[in-house]
Amino acid sequence: MQPSRPPPERAQEYVLGPLSAALQLEGTFDPAGPWLATTDEIDDVLALGMWLDVNGVRRQTGNTKTMIFDPYFIVHYLSQFLVLEPGDLINTGTPPGVGMSLTPSVWLRPGDVMELGIKYLGTQRQRVLGPQRAPAPCAPSC
């Protein structure tokens, strides 16, 4: 199968719910779903408001139109060296207001509740967990 490499002007045909996750690691990192929005459900991918609250306090507010690289460019760029297929999810970063950029820096702690949303794509709520112990390595008989 040949990689799909859409030019920037056709990249919108490849966007499925921008600003989503590329991987689900360890079941706790980068939650996505349980549904995705298709392009026919979104009027303008370049005008989606984004927000994040931590423990009920608004920490981040942004919009896809103010992203450094818009979703169409990101799809076009990644397709230069990745095979993109329907349903692939791409992380794009975060809106302004990251805790480490604050003075003093603010970090998430176990028990914190994050609520985030993107216009037309819905909202999510997660409780921050503490570090988890790694499973014991499997013995040679496994």
Foldseek 3Di string as FASTA:
>chain_A
DDADQDDLVCLLVQDKAAQADQDQPPVAPGDDDVDTHGPVQDPDQQFKWKWKDKQNHTQFIDGQVPAPDHPSVVSNVPSVPDRGDPPGYDHDDGGPRQQVPDVPRDDDDAQIKMWMDIPSGGIDIDGDHDDDDDDDDDDPVD
